[in-house]
Amino acid sequence: MVGEVLDMLFGCWHKNYSFPITAKKGSTPQNEAARVTGTYVVCLDCGKEFPYDWSRMKVITAAPNEAETEELTSRANTGFVKVA
């Protein structure tokens, strides 16, 4: 019970994630985490899902700003990385 209250207040603090899972091409992802980049990981301790960015090879924990979300979504849909 104490763990649930802390999770509600501070979010997941665990670092034990699953291997990144990518949604099938052409399908609409069913969970919110996969909608950001098309790929997500799951915390193996509490079950919370997080978006994952393959190009940066890291979990996205904070809500990305609107421009970054568009870039990540377009990158996930095309498979190409935008070079700036």
Protein backbone atom coordinates (compact mmCIF):
# COMPACT_ATOMS: atom_id res chain seq x y z
CA MET A 1 0.00 0.00 0.00
CA VAL A 2 2.81 2.44 0.82
CA GLY A 3 4.43 1.59 -2.51
CA GLU A 4 1.22 2.40 -4.38
CA VAL A 5 0.97 5.81 -2.69
CA LEU A 6 4.61 6.62 -3.51
CA ASP A 7 4.08 5.51 -7.11
CA MET A 8 1.06 7.83 -7.41
CA LEU A 9 3.08 10.76 -6.03
CA PHE A 10 6.47 10.25 -7.67
CA GLY A 11 5.91 7.73 -10.49
CA CYS A 12 8.00 4.66 -11.16
CA TRP A 13 11.54 4.81 -9.77
CA HIS A 14 12.51 1.28 -10.83
CA LYS A 15 15.15 0.65 -13.49
CA ASN A 16 14.31 -2.96 -14.37
CA TYR A 17 12.75 -2.66 -17.86
CA SER A 18 11.74 -5.20 -20.47
CA PHE A 19 13.35 -5.32 -23.91
CA PRO A 20 11.79 -2.63 -26.15
CA ILE A 21 8.54 -3.74 -27.81
CA THR A 22 7.56 -2.26 -31.18
CA ALA A 23 3.96 -2.08 -32.40
CA LYS A 24 3.20 -3.72 -35.75
CA LYS A 25 3.53 -1.49 -38.80
CA GLY A 26 0.21 -0.15 -40.02
CA SER A 27 -1.65 -0.85 -36.79
CA THR A 28 -2.76 1.66 -34.19
CA PRO A 29 -0.94 1.08 -30.88
CA GLN A 30 -3.33 0.12 -28.09
CA ASN A 31 -1.38 1.69 -25.23
CA GLU A 32 -0.43 5.33 -24.65
CA ALA A 33 3.31 4.64 -24.35
CA ALA A 34 3.52 3.11 -27.84
CA ARG A 35 1.64 6.02 -29.41
CA VAL A 36 4.55 8.40 -28.80
CA THR A 37 7.31 6.57 -30.71
CA GLY A 38 5.79 3.24 -31.73
CA THR A 39 8.08 1.45 -29.27
CA TYR A 40 7.73 1.03 -25.51
CA VAL A 41 9.24 -0.75 -22.51
CA VAL A 42 7.54 -2.13 -19.41
CA CYS A 43 8.82 -1.83 -15.84
CA LEU A 44 9.23 -5.42 -14.66
CA ASP A 45 8.69 -4.38 -11.03
CA CYS A 46 5.44 -2.38 -11.24
CA GLY A 47 4.14 -2.94 -14.81
CA LYS A 48 4.14 0.72 -15.87
CA GLU A 49 4.76 1.34 -19.60
CA PHE A 50 7.13 4.00 -20.96
CA PRO A 51 7.82 5.22 -24.51
CA TYR A 52 11.23 4.19 -25.85
CA ASP A 53 13.31 6.03 -28.45
CA TRP A 54 15.39 3.58 -30.54
CA SER A 55 17.56 6.30 -32.11
CA ARG A 56 18.66 7.58 -28.69
CA MET A 57 18.39 4.13 -27.11
CA LYS A 58 16.73 5.44 -23.96
CA VAL A 59 13.44 5.50 -22.13
CA ILE A 60 11.42 8.69 -22.43
CA THR A 61 10.17 9.42 -18.93
CA ALA A 62 9.14 13.09 -19.14
CA ALA A 63 6.40 14.26 -21.49
CA PRO A 64 8.21 15.43 -24.64
CA ASN A 65 7.33 18.84 -26.03
CA GLU A 66 5.09 19.06 -29.10
CA ALA A 67 7.88 19.51 -31.68
CA GLU A 68 9.85 16.58 -30.28
CA THR A 69 6.72 14.40 -30.28
CA GLU A 70 6.13 15.13 -33.99
CA GLU A 71 9.75 14.31 -34.81
CA LEU A 72 9.65 11.05 -32.82
CA THR A 73 6.35 10.05 -34.42
CA SER A 74 7.55 10.75 -37.95
CA ARG A 75 10.79 8.88 -37.25
CA ALA A 76 8.82 5.87 -35.94
CA ASN A 77 6.53 5.85 -38.99
CA THR A 78 9.23 6.19 -41.67
CA GLY A 79 12.14 4.41 -40.09
CA PHE A 80 14.46 7.23 -41.16
CA VAL A 81 16.30 9.52 -38.79
CA LYS A 82 16.06 13.25 -39.47
CA VAL A 83 19.54 14.80 -39.62
CA ALA A 84 19.67 18.40 -38.46
